[in-house]
């Protein structure tokens, strides 16, 4: 079993930046095989894909259209950590952000392909 712990959520204003971090732990986890990503759930809406880094050779980070150009995702394999850097935040970015990890992820937008989920961290963007 792989455990995920998110950190970095908070309340900011429109246009601000915020960085979320997620650390994976567990005997099964390794950076070569386990992709990492983020989903979010806005108030009253279904959970949606935000971003992911995959493990396939020559893969590039994947982003939801709504965050392209504003969010970036990176990994620090020495710390089993994934970081989501969010800039130019909008009120629509408000929600609970969940870190995810999974093996053999090909289509990161699908919830069912992810093996482990974090507890979530709240991000609130106000104008």
Foldseek 3Di string as FASTA:
>chain_A
DKAKDKDWADEEAAFAKTKMKMAIDDPPDAPQFKKKAKWWDAVPGDIWGAKIDHNDPPDDIDGDPVQPPFWDWDDDRVRNMIMIIGGRDDQVPWGWMKMFMAGPDDPVGDPVRTDDIYPTDTHGYHD
